[in-house]
Protein backbone atom coordinates (compact mmCIF):
# COMPACT_ATOMS: atom_id res chain seq x y z
CA MET A 1 0.00 0.00 0.00
CA THR A 2 1.38 3.42 -0.96
CA ASN A 3 2.30 5.72 1.91
CA VAL A 4 0.16 8.88 1.88
CA ILE A 5 1.94 11.96 3.22
CA THR A 6 -0.49 14.53 4.57
CA HIS A 7 -0.57 17.92 6.27
CA TRP A 8 -0.18 18.56 10.02
CA MET A 9 -2.76 20.78 11.72
CA ASP A 10 -3.91 21.25 15.31
CA GLY A 11 -1.30 18.76 16.51
CA ALA A 12 -2.43 15.90 14.27
CA LEU A 13 -2.30 14.60 10.70
CA PHE A 14 -4.78 16.33 8.41
CA SER A 15 -5.67 14.92 4.99
CA GLY A 16 -7.68 17.86 3.70
CA ALA A 17 -10.13 17.77 0.83
CA SER A 18 -7.67 17.53 -2.03
CA THR A 19 -7.58 14.47 -4.29
CA SER A 20 -4.45 15.70 -6.04
CA THR A 21 -1.13 14.08 -5.13
CA ALA A 22 2.48 13.94 -6.29
CA ASP A 23 4.88 11.01 -6.32
CA VAL A 24 7.65 10.83 -3.75
CA THR A 25 10.55 8.69 -4.93
CA ASN A 26 13.67 7.13 -3.49
CA PRO A 27 16.38 8.62 -5.73
CA ALA A 28 18.72 5.68 -5.14
CA THR A 29 16.22 3.13 -6.47
CA GLY A 30 13.94 5.17 -8.70
CA ARG A 31 10.91 3.63 -7.00
CA VAL A 32 7.87 5.59 -5.83
CA THR A 33 7.66 5.31 -2.05
CA GLY A 34 4.76 7.61 -1.29
CA GLN A 35 2.14 10.07 -2.42
CA VAL A 36 2.15 13.57 -0.96
CA VAL A 37 -1.17 15.39 -0.94
CA LEU A 38 -1.23 18.76 -2.69
CA ALA A 39 -3.28 21.29 -0.77
CA THR A 40 -6.28 23.08 -2.19
CA ALA A 41 -6.85 26.73 -1.32
CA ASP A 42 -9.41 25.58 1.28
CA ASP A 43 -6.91 23.16 2.82
CA ALA A 44 -4.36 25.97 3.10
CA ALA A 45 -6.94 28.28 4.65
CA ALA A 46 -7.75 25.65 7.28
CA VAL A 47 -4.10 25.16 8.24
CA ILE A 48 -3.47 28.92 8.40
CA ALA A 49 -6.62 29.36 10.53
CA SER A 50 -5.31 26.74 12.95
CA ALA A 51 -2.06 28.66 13.30
CA LYS A 52 -3.89 31.94 13.80
CA ALA A 53 -6.13 30.46 16.50
CA ALA A 54 -3.10 29.20 18.42
CA SER A 55 -0.85 32.22 17.92
CA ARG A 56 -2.30 34.58 20.52
CA ALA A 57 -2.03 32.19 23.47
CA TRP A 58 1.45 31.10 22.40
CA GLY A 59 2.59 34.71 22.04
CA ALA A 60 1.30 35.39 25.56
CA THR A 61 3.16 32.37 26.98
CA SER A 62 6.12 33.32 29.11
CA ILE A 63 9.56 33.39 27.54
CA ALA A 64 10.68 30.92 30.19
CA ARG A 65 8.03 28.39 29.20
CA ARG A 66 8.65 28.86 25.48
CA THR A 67 12.38 28.29 25.80
CA GLN A 68 11.81 25.24 28.00
CA ILE A 69 9.84 23.67 25.15
CA ILE A 70 12.52 24.65 22.64
CA PHE A 71 15.10 22.97 24.87
CA ALA A 72 12.96 19.83 25.17
CA PHE A 73 12.77 19.71 21.37
CA ARG A 74 16.55 20.04 21.21
CA GLU A 75 17.03 17.08 23.54
CA LEU A 76 14.58 14.90 21.61
CA LEU A 77 16.16 15.85 18.29
CA ASN A 78 19.64 15.08 19.57
CA ALA A 79 18.55 11.67 20.86
CA ARG A 80 16.63 10.67 17.73
CA LYS A 81 18.43 12.46 14.90
CA ASP A 82 19.38 9.16 13.30
CA GLU A 83 15.69 8.53 12.52
CA LEU A 84 15.43 11.87 10.75
CA ALA A 85 18.63 11.23 8.80
CA VAL A 86 17.20 7.94 7.49
CA LEU A 87 14.10 9.77 6.22
CA ILE A 88 16.21 12.42 4.51
CA SER A 89 18.41 9.86 2.77
CA ALA A 90 15.37 7.91 1.57
CA GLU A 91 13.69 10.90 -0.10
CA HIS A 92 16.53 13.27 -0.94
CA GLY A 93 19.27 10.74 -1.69
CA LYS A 94 22.13 12.30 0.25
CA VAL A 95 24.31 9.86 2.14
CA HIS A 96 23.48 9.18 5.77
CA SER A 97 26.51 11.01 7.19
CA ASP A 98 25.63 14.11 5.15
CA ALA A 99 22.05 13.98 6.42
CA LEU A 100 23.35 13.86 9.98
CA GLY A 101 25.54 16.86 9.23
CA GLU A 102 22.54 18.79 7.95
CA ILE A 103 20.64 18.05 11.14
CA ALA A 104 23.60 19.09 13.30
CA ARG A 105 23.81 22.48 11.61
CA GLY A 106 20.07 22.99 12.03
CA GLN A 107 20.31 22.00 15.67
CA GLU A 108 22.73 24.89 16.20
CA VAL A 109 19.84 27.27 15.50
CA VAL A 110 17.63 25.38 17.95
CA GLU A 111 20.33 25.85 20.57
CA PHE A 112 20.61 29.54 19.69
CA ALA A 113 16.85 29.91 20.16
CA CYS A 114 17.07 28.40 23.64
CA GLY A 115 18.87 31.59 24.70
CA ILE A 116 16.59 34.03 22.92
CA ALA A 117 15.45 35.78 26.11
CA HIS A 118 18.48 38.05 26.04
CA LEU A 119 17.67 39.18 22.49
CA LEU A 120 14.00 39.88 23.25
CA LYS A 121 14.85 42.41 25.92
CA GLY A 122 13.69 45.95 25.40
CA GLY A 123 15.19 49.19 26.68
CA HIS A 124 14.04 51.56 29.42
CA SER A 125 14.68 55.26 29.91
CA GLU A 126 13.49 56.78 33.17
CA ASN A 127 12.50 60.45 33.25
CA ALA A 128 13.08 60.94 29.52
CA SER A 129 10.91 64.00 30.00
CA THR A 130 9.78 65.38 33.34
CA GLY A 131 7.85 62.57 35.00
CA VAL A 132 7.78 60.57 31.76
CA ASP A 133 9.36 57.15 31.21
CA VAL A 134 9.92 55.41 27.88
CA HIS A 135 10.42 51.71 27.27
CA SER A 136 10.62 49.50 24.20
CA LYS A 137 9.50 45.93 23.68
CA ARG A 138 9.50 43.32 20.93
CA ASP A 139 6.27 41.48 20.14
CA PRO A 140 5.75 38.40 17.96
CA LEU A 141 4.28 38.84 14.49
CA GLY A 142 1.53 36.21 14.83
CA VAL A 143 1.53 33.62 12.03
CA VAL A 144 4.69 33.18 9.93
CA GLY A 145 5.12 31.15 6.75
CA ILE A 146 8.22 29.14 5.85
CA ILE A 147 8.69 27.79 2.31
CA SER A 148 11.67 25.45 2.19
CA PRO A 149 13.56 23.72 -0.67
CA PHE A 150 14.23 20.05 -1.35
CA ASN A 151 17.98 20.12 -0.76
CA PHE A 152 17.87 20.60 3.02
CA PRO A 153 14.51 19.32 4.29
CA ALA A 154 15.62 19.63 7.93
CA MET A 155 18.32 22.30 8.13
CA VAL A 156 16.67 25.07 6.11
CA PRO A 157 13.37 24.98 8.04
CA MET A 158 15.47 24.97 11.21
CA TRP A 159 17.11 28.21 10.10
CA PHE A 160 13.74 29.82 10.73
CA PHE A 161 11.24 27.99 12.93
CA PRO A 162 13.27 27.75 16.19
CA VAL A 163 13.68 31.52 16.27
CA ALA A 164 10.12 32.15 15.12
CA LEU A 165 8.65 29.87 17.80
CA ALA A 166 10.91 31.12 20.57
CA ALA A 167 9.85 34.66 19.71
CA GLY A 168 6.20 33.67 20.21
CA ASN A 169 4.93 33.08 16.67
CA ALA A 170 2.88 30.23 15.22
CA VAL A 171 4.45 28.57 12.16
CA VAL A 172 3.12 27.17 8.89
CA LEU A 173 5.85 25.20 7.12
CA LYS A 174 5.47 24.41 3.40
CA PRO A 175 8.16 21.82 2.60
CA SER A 176 9.22 20.67 -0.84
CA GLU A 177 6.92 18.07 -2.32
CA LYS A 178 10.03 16.09 -3.36
CA ASP A 179 10.97 15.15 0.23
CA PRO A 180 8.09 16.03 2.55
CA SER A 181 8.29 13.33 5.24
CA ALA A 182 10.94 15.09 7.36
CA SER A 183 8.48 17.92 8.04
CA LEU A 184 5.92 15.57 9.61
CA TRP A 185 8.58 13.87 11.70
CA ILE A 186 9.61 17.29 13.01
CA ALA A 187 5.96 18.21 13.70
CA GLU A 188 5.47 15.06 15.76
CA LEU A 189 8.65 15.82 17.70
CA TRP A 190 7.34 19.30 18.56
CA LYS A 191 4.16 17.72 19.94
CA GLU A 192 6.23 15.34 22.04
CA ALA A 193 8.28 18.29 23.33
CA GLY A 194 5.12 19.93 24.64
CA LEU A 195 4.41 22.55 21.99
CA PRO A 196 0.70 23.45 22.08
CA ASP A 197 -1.42 22.20 19.20
CA GLY A 198 -1.69 24.60 16.28
CA VAL A 199 1.58 26.40 16.97
CA PHE A 200 3.57 24.33 14.45
CA ASN A 201 1.78 23.27 11.27
CA VAL A 202 2.78 21.64 7.97
CA LEU A 203 1.10 22.52 4.69
CA GLN A 204 2.00 20.12 1.87
CA GLY A 205 1.60 21.18 -1.72
CA ASP A 206 2.74 23.07 -4.77
CA LYS A 207 2.12 26.59 -6.09
CA VAL A 208 -1.44 26.61 -4.73
CA ALA A 209 -0.09 26.22 -1.19
CA VAL A 210 2.66 28.76 -1.79
CA ASP A 211 0.27 31.37 -3.16
CA ALA A 212 -2.10 30.82 -0.25
CA LEU A 213 0.70 31.70 2.19
CA LEU A 214 1.83 34.68 0.12
CA GLN A 215 -1.66 36.14 -0.14
CA SER A 216 -3.31 35.28 3.18
CA PRO A 217 -4.01 38.35 5.34
CA ASP A 218 -3.40 36.16 8.40
CA VAL A 219 0.24 35.38 7.51
CA ALA A 220 2.54 38.18 8.65
CA SER A 221 5.86 37.09 7.14
CA ILE A 222 7.40 34.74 4.62
CA SER A 223 10.79 33.03 4.84
CA PHE A 224 11.84 31.35 1.59
CA VAL A 225 14.85 29.52 0.19
CA GLY A 226 14.98 28.41 -3.44
CA SER A 227 15.88 29.53 -6.95
CA THR A 228 16.28 33.20 -7.81
CA PRO A 229 13.25 33.45 -10.15
CA ILE A 230 10.97 31.97 -7.49
CA ALA A 231 12.61 34.03 -4.72
CA GLN A 232 11.86 37.17 -6.71
CA TYR A 233 8.24 36.04 -7.25
CA VAL A 234 7.84 35.29 -3.55
CA TYR A 235 9.33 38.65 -2.58
CA GLU A 236 7.18 40.67 -4.97
CA THR A 237 3.93 38.82 -4.25
CA ALA A 238 4.28 38.69 -0.47
CA SER A 239 5.41 42.32 -0.29
CA LYS A 240 2.43 43.35 -2.38
CA HIS A 241 0.24 41.70 0.25
CA GLY A 242 1.87 43.62 3.07
CA LYS A 243 4.21 40.99 4.48
CA ARG A 244 7.80 41.22 5.54
CA VAL A 245 9.91 38.86 3.45
CA GLN A 246 13.30 37.14 3.53
CA ALA A 247 13.64 35.33 0.20
CA LEU A 248 17.00 33.62 -0.35
CA GLY A 249 17.71 32.81 -3.99
CA GLY A 250 20.30 31.12 -6.16
CA ALA A 251 24.08 31.07 -6.17
CA LYS A 252 27.17 30.58 -8.29
CA ASN A 253 29.88 30.31 -5.68
CA HIS A 254 33.50 30.93 -6.68
CA MET A 255 36.54 29.60 -4.86
CA VAL A 256 39.74 31.52 -5.61
CA VAL A 257 43.07 29.73 -5.22
CA LEU A 258 46.12 32.00 -5.12
CA PRO A 259 49.59 30.74 -6.16
CA ASP A 260 50.85 30.70 -2.56
CA ALA A 261 48.02 28.46 -1.31
CA ASP A 262 48.46 24.96 0.08
CA LEU A 263 47.29 23.12 -3.05
CA ASP A 264 46.59 19.85 -1.26
CA LEU A 265 44.29 21.66 1.16
CA ALA A 266 42.66 23.53 -1.73
CA ALA A 267 42.14 20.35 -3.74
CA ASP A 268 40.51 18.58 -0.78
CA ALA A 269 38.26 21.59 -0.24
CA ALA A 270 37.25 21.82 -3.90
CA VAL A 271 36.19 18.16 -3.97
CA ASN A 272 34.35 18.35 -0.66
CA ALA A 273 32.55 21.59 -1.47
CA GLY A 274 31.90 20.81 -5.12
CA TYR A 275 30.57 17.28 -4.86
CA GLY A 276 29.16 16.95 -1.34
CA SER A 277 25.42 16.24 -1.40
CA ALA A 278 25.81 15.73 -5.19
CA GLY A 279 26.35 19.48 -5.54
CA GLU A 280 22.75 20.17 -4.48
CA ARG A 281 23.71 22.92 -2.05
CA CYS A 282 23.22 26.66 -2.39
CA MET A 283 26.66 27.02 -0.79
CA ALA A 284 28.37 24.46 -3.05
CA ILE A 285 31.50 25.57 -4.86
CA SER A 286 30.70 25.37 -8.56
CA VAL A 287 33.49 27.57 -9.96
CA LEU A 288 37.13 27.20 -9.01
CA VAL A 289 39.17 30.26 -10.03
CA ALA A 290 42.81 29.22 -10.38
CA VAL A 291 45.27 32.13 -10.39
CA GLU A 292 48.18 31.09 -12.59
CA PRO A 293 50.65 29.47 -12.65
CA ILE A 294 49.12 26.78 -10.43
CA ALA A 295 46.14 25.61 -12.51
CA ASP A 296 47.71 22.50 -14.07
CA GLU A 297 48.92 21.16 -10.74
CA LEU A 298 45.70 22.02 -8.94
CA VAL A 299 43.44 20.43 -11.56
CA ALA A 300 45.54 17.26 -11.44
CA LYS A 301 45.20 17.07 -7.66
CA ILE A 302 41.42 17.60 -7.82
CA ALA A 303 41.06 14.95 -10.52
CA GLU A 304 43.13 12.47 -8.52
CA ARG A 305 40.89 12.90 -5.49
CA THR A 306 37.65 12.91 -7.49
CA ARG A 307 38.43 9.53 -9.02
CA THR A 308 38.53 7.98 -5.53
CA LEU A 309 34.95 8.97 -4.68
CA ARG A 310 32.45 6.16 -4.21
CA ILE A 311 29.04 6.85 -5.69
CA GLY A 312 26.10 4.83 -4.44
CA ASP A 313 23.08 4.45 -2.22
CA GLY A 314 24.05 6.26 0.95
CA ALA A 315 21.23 4.97 3.10
CA LYS A 316 22.58 3.65 6.38
CA ALA A 317 21.21 0.13 5.85
CA ARG A 318 22.54 -0.25 2.33
CA THR A 319 25.97 1.05 1.31
CA PRO A 320 27.28 3.26 4.11
CA GLU A 321 30.65 3.47 2.38
CA ALA A 322 29.23 5.72 -0.38
CA ASP A 323 30.66 9.27 -0.47
CA MET A 324 28.01 10.73 -2.77
CA GLY A 325 24.46 9.67 -3.56
CA PRO A 326 22.12 10.22 -6.50
CA LEU A 327 20.41 13.42 -7.61
CA VAL A 328 16.95 14.12 -6.23
CA THR A 329 14.82 13.28 -9.29
CA ARG A 330 15.24 11.72 -12.71
CA ALA A 331 14.31 15.02 -14.37
CA HIS A 332 16.95 16.91 -12.41
CA ARG A 333 19.58 14.26 -13.16
CA ASP A 334 18.81 14.59 -16.87
CA LYS A 335 18.96 18.38 -16.68
CA VAL A 336 22.39 18.32 -15.04
CA ALA A 337 23.62 15.72 -17.54
CA GLY A 338 22.48 18.13 -20.25
CA TYR A 339 24.77 20.81 -18.81
CA VAL A 340 27.66 18.34 -18.92
CA ALA A 341 26.96 17.71 -22.61
CA SER A 342 26.68 21.44 -23.24
CA GLY A 343 30.01 22.16 -21.56
CA ALA A 344 31.76 19.56 -23.64
CA ALA A 345 30.16 20.87 -26.83
CA ALA A 346 31.18 24.44 -25.96
CA GLY A 347 34.85 23.47 -25.86
CA ALA A 348 35.58 23.08 -22.16
CA THR A 349 38.06 20.34 -21.32
CA VAL A 350 36.25 17.37 -19.78
CA VAL A 351 38.70 16.05 -17.18
CA ILE A 352 36.16 13.70 -15.55
CA ASP A 353 32.76 12.92 -17.09
CA GLY A 354 30.13 12.08 -14.49
CA ARG A 355 27.88 10.50 -17.10
CA GLU A 356 30.25 7.54 -17.13
CA VAL A 357 29.77 6.77 -13.44
CA GLU A 358 29.47 3.17 -12.22
CA PRO A 359 27.56 3.49 -8.95
CA THR A 360 27.04 0.98 -6.20
CA GLY A 361 23.28 0.92 -6.33
CA GLU A 362 20.23 -0.02 -8.32
CA SER A 363 20.31 0.73 -12.03
CA ASP A 364 17.14 2.83 -11.91
CA GLY A 365 18.63 5.30 -9.42
CA PHE A 366 19.15 8.88 -10.51
CA TRP A 367 22.91 8.61 -10.82
CA LEU A 368 25.36 11.18 -12.13
CA GLY A 369 28.96 11.13 -10.99
CA PRO A 370 31.26 14.07 -10.21
CA THR A 371 32.20 16.05 -13.33
CA LEU A 372 35.32 18.20 -13.61
CA PHE A 373 35.74 20.79 -16.37
CA ASP A 374 38.91 22.76 -17.10
CA GLN A 375 39.51 25.70 -19.43
CA VAL A 376 36.00 27.04 -18.80
CA THR A 377 35.16 30.51 -20.12
CA THR A 378 32.55 32.94 -18.83
CA ASP A 379 30.33 32.66 -21.91
CA MET A 380 29.65 28.94 -21.39
CA ASP A 381 26.38 27.99 -19.73
CA ILE A 382 28.24 25.71 -17.29
CA TYR A 383 29.65 28.99 -15.97
CA THR A 384 26.62 31.27 -16.24
CA GLU A 385 23.89 28.91 -14.98
CA GLU A 386 23.27 27.57 -11.49
CA ILE A 387 23.58 23.86 -12.29
CA PHE A 388 22.84 22.53 -8.79
CA GLY A 389 24.66 19.29 -9.41
CA PRO A 390 28.12 17.69 -9.05
CA VAL A 391 29.78 19.81 -11.73
CA LEU A 392 32.96 21.78 -10.94
CA ALA A 393 34.20 24.30 -13.51
CA VAL A 394 37.80 25.54 -13.42
CA VAL A 395 38.40 29.04 -14.76
CA ARG A 396 42.01 30.16 -15.19
CA VAL A 397 42.96 33.78 -14.54
CA LYS A 398 46.23 35.68 -14.48
CA SER A 399 45.84 37.76 -11.31
CA TYR A 400 44.05 38.36 -8.04
CA ASP A 401 42.35 41.43 -9.54
CA GLU A 402 40.98 39.38 -12.42
CA ALA A 403 39.61 36.80 -9.98
CA VAL A 404 37.83 39.44 -7.90
CA ALA A 405 36.42 41.11 -11.02
CA LEU A 406 35.00 37.74 -12.08
CA ILE A 407 33.20 37.30 -8.76
CA ASN A 408 31.84 40.82 -8.66
CA ALA A 409 30.54 40.66 -12.24
CA ASN A 410 28.38 37.65 -11.38
CA GLU A 411 24.68 38.24 -10.74
CA PHE A 412 24.81 36.19 -7.53
CA GLY A 413 26.53 37.05 -4.27
CA ASN A 414 25.78 34.17 -1.94
CA GLY A 415 29.12 32.66 -0.87
CA THR A 416 32.75 32.72 -1.93
CA ALA A 417 36.10 31.52 -0.65
CA ILE A 418 39.78 32.29 -1.04
CA PHE A 419 42.64 29.89 -0.42
CA THR A 420 45.92 31.56 0.41
CA ASN A 421 48.67 31.79 3.03
CA ASP A 422 48.89 35.55 2.55
CA GLY A 423 46.98 37.30 5.35
CA GLY A 424 47.10 40.63 3.56
CA ALA A 425 45.54 39.18 0.43
CA ALA A 426 42.82 37.47 2.48
CA ARG A 427 42.03 40.67 4.38
CA ARG A 428 41.82 42.60 1.12
CA PHE A 429 39.55 39.92 -0.37
CA GLU A 430 37.06 40.37 2.48
CA SER A 431 36.62 44.00 1.47
CA ASP A 432 36.87 43.64 -2.29
CA VAL A 433 34.25 40.98 -3.02
CA GLU A 434 30.54 41.83 -3.20
CA VAL A 435 29.32 38.66 -1.53
CA GLY A 436 27.42 38.02 1.69
CA MET A 437 29.40 35.08 3.10
CA ILE A 438 33.15 34.69 2.70
CA GLY A 439 35.50 31.87 3.60
CA VAL A 440 39.25 32.18 4.09
CA ASN A 441 40.67 28.68 3.61
CA VAL A 442 37.11 27.53 4.36
CA PRO A 443 35.23 26.39 1.24
CA ILE A 444 31.64 26.46 2.56
CA PRO A 445 31.42 29.51 4.84
CA VAL A 446 28.00 28.83 6.37
CA PRO A 447 27.99 30.99 9.51
CA VAL A 448 27.36 29.64 12.99
CA ALA A 449 23.82 30.20 14.24
CA TYR A 450 24.51 33.39 16.19
CA TYR A 451 25.60 35.07 12.95
CA SER A 452 23.19 35.50 10.07
CA PHE A 453 23.03 33.52 6.82
CA GLY A 454 22.40 35.36 3.58
CA GLY A 455 23.83 36.60 0.32
CA TRP A 456 23.91 39.76 -1.74
CA LYS A 457 22.60 40.75 -5.17
CA ASN A 458 20.29 38.16 -6.75
CA SER A 459 20.94 35.73 -3.91
CA LEU A 460 18.65 37.62 -1.51
CA PHE A 461 15.40 39.54 -1.89
CA GLY A 462 14.50 41.50 1.21
CA ASP A 463 16.86 43.13 3.65
CA THR A 464 16.99 40.52 6.42
CA HIS A 465 19.16 37.42 6.53
CA ALA A 466 18.31 34.13 8.24
CA HIS A 467 18.79 33.33 11.96
CA GLY A 468 21.11 35.19 14.30
CA VAL A 469 20.13 38.62 15.60
CA GLU A 470 18.64 39.54 12.22
CA GLY A 471 16.34 36.53 12.50
CA VAL A 472 15.13 37.63 15.94
CA HIS A 473 14.32 41.08 14.61
CA PHE A 474 12.62 39.62 11.54
CA PHE A 475 10.23 37.51 13.63
CA THR A 476 9.37 40.33 16.05
CA ARG A 477 8.30 43.94 15.72
CA GLY A 478 9.08 46.80 18.01
CA LYS A 479 6.82 48.84 20.22
CA VAL A 480 7.78 51.96 22.13
CA VAL A 481 5.66 52.89 25.17
CA THR A 482 5.72 56.39 26.66
CA THR A 483 4.33 56.46 30.23
CA ARG A 484 3.45 59.12 32.75
CA TRP A 485 2.06 58.16 36.14
CA ILE A 486 0.66 61.03 38.14
CA ASP A 487 2.28 61.59 41.52
CA PRO A 488 -0.48 62.96 43.78
CA ALA A 489 2.14 64.88 45.79
CA ASN A 490 3.54 66.56 42.70
CA ARG A 491 0.65 66.80 40.29
CA PRO A 492 1.55 68.68 37.07
CA SER A 493 -0.48 71.73 36.21
CA GLY A 494 -3.32 71.04 33.78
CA GLY A 495 -4.69 73.25 31.08
CA LEU A 496 -5.09 73.04 27.34
CA GLU A 497 -2.08 73.11 25.03
CA LEU A 498 -2.62 72.33 21.34
CA GLY A 499 1.02 72.71 20.32
CA PHE A 500 3.10 69.63 19.49
CA PRO A 501 4.29 68.05 22.76
CA ARG A 502 7.85 68.87 23.78
CA ASN A 503 10.25 67.08 26.05
CA ASP A 504 11.27 69.20 29.01
């Protein structure tokens, strides 16, 4: 019998009225493992109404009680994360160890949210004017929407919902229909942790569900991660409907290697950051910028390491020795393979062709091995497009200045890295590049949870990054209260005064 994956509302599974479903497949086998329901507008309205009904009482719950529940969730997640990793591997395809890594990075945000009380403090000024005090406070928004992508079904939602919940909001999570089961597992864990029913909800679906969140007058904010065209649509539509928005878009991350760099370290980093999770990461390195004269040696080292990678079913119970799994769907595998063919046809040097992979896994899996291109030019689509697969393109340049110009000319500004032993060059790079997250001898510079995640240019729509202090401010809004209590022993003189009030 096919597994039916439903919504989560009022602390329980909710099937809704929709008869429309989408296949959920195991990318390592190619077999359909479930059917996810696709919400109708009425289904979405019901889930949003549940969140709205629960939001006021949750927002009025003490900070102490809220953070106790967040901490209980953290403990449960830490104890049972292996279960979640198995679900992720089965629907996304990433190897088990990578799924555990995703969960660990998301858990950092949960831990950050446990200490949110300090960041929700307001200010107080006594006697700002004669007998008048002023204080500020931060209130929750109410209902917040989270629209997450397929590539991190646990970590990306956890960039947002721990902070949103700790700040007193109710959440509606719309996961990707490609790997939706992780969201229900998380919802059940919240219930076990003691979160009141209706405070955390899951809305399964496609564009109908997305548009319902973007347009509903009861949803105060939208947090989105996905491609740039959809991020722009989400930003424009949600903003038009009066919501605050953080919409994180696409990327084309460059890694610059200077001639003085440790080339063994750089080669390891390029392979890890280019092919981890089959390249399906918004922070993956997809362009390696080799500053001559080291390109030949560096490419040889990368190729040597790439040929040792084991491609296969990374599920814990099958082939745990696999380094890289399949791509998420057959259509996406074919699209990425098309880019490989295009790069070869355009004249790039194919050092390793991932289409020739011999995986350890079933023949119907969505396999594509690591691909390494050299002599790539900026007019090739393997350079200009966000491929979102295990394709690493090497571009050769003559100088540091040329490398920086290449990065700054790109439409995206998500992440970048420089490999060098020259501290002056690294310090200059931090200032010169127009990118939101920068690594120095670190290939995937995803910040720790108490800093914010986000890019520049077409990698972010909206002015607020994810988690950290910016996340706390995104999920709350400020109030300023001006107070005067009358002292009977020193009552101010009355009278009418129509002029604008002054502070004395």
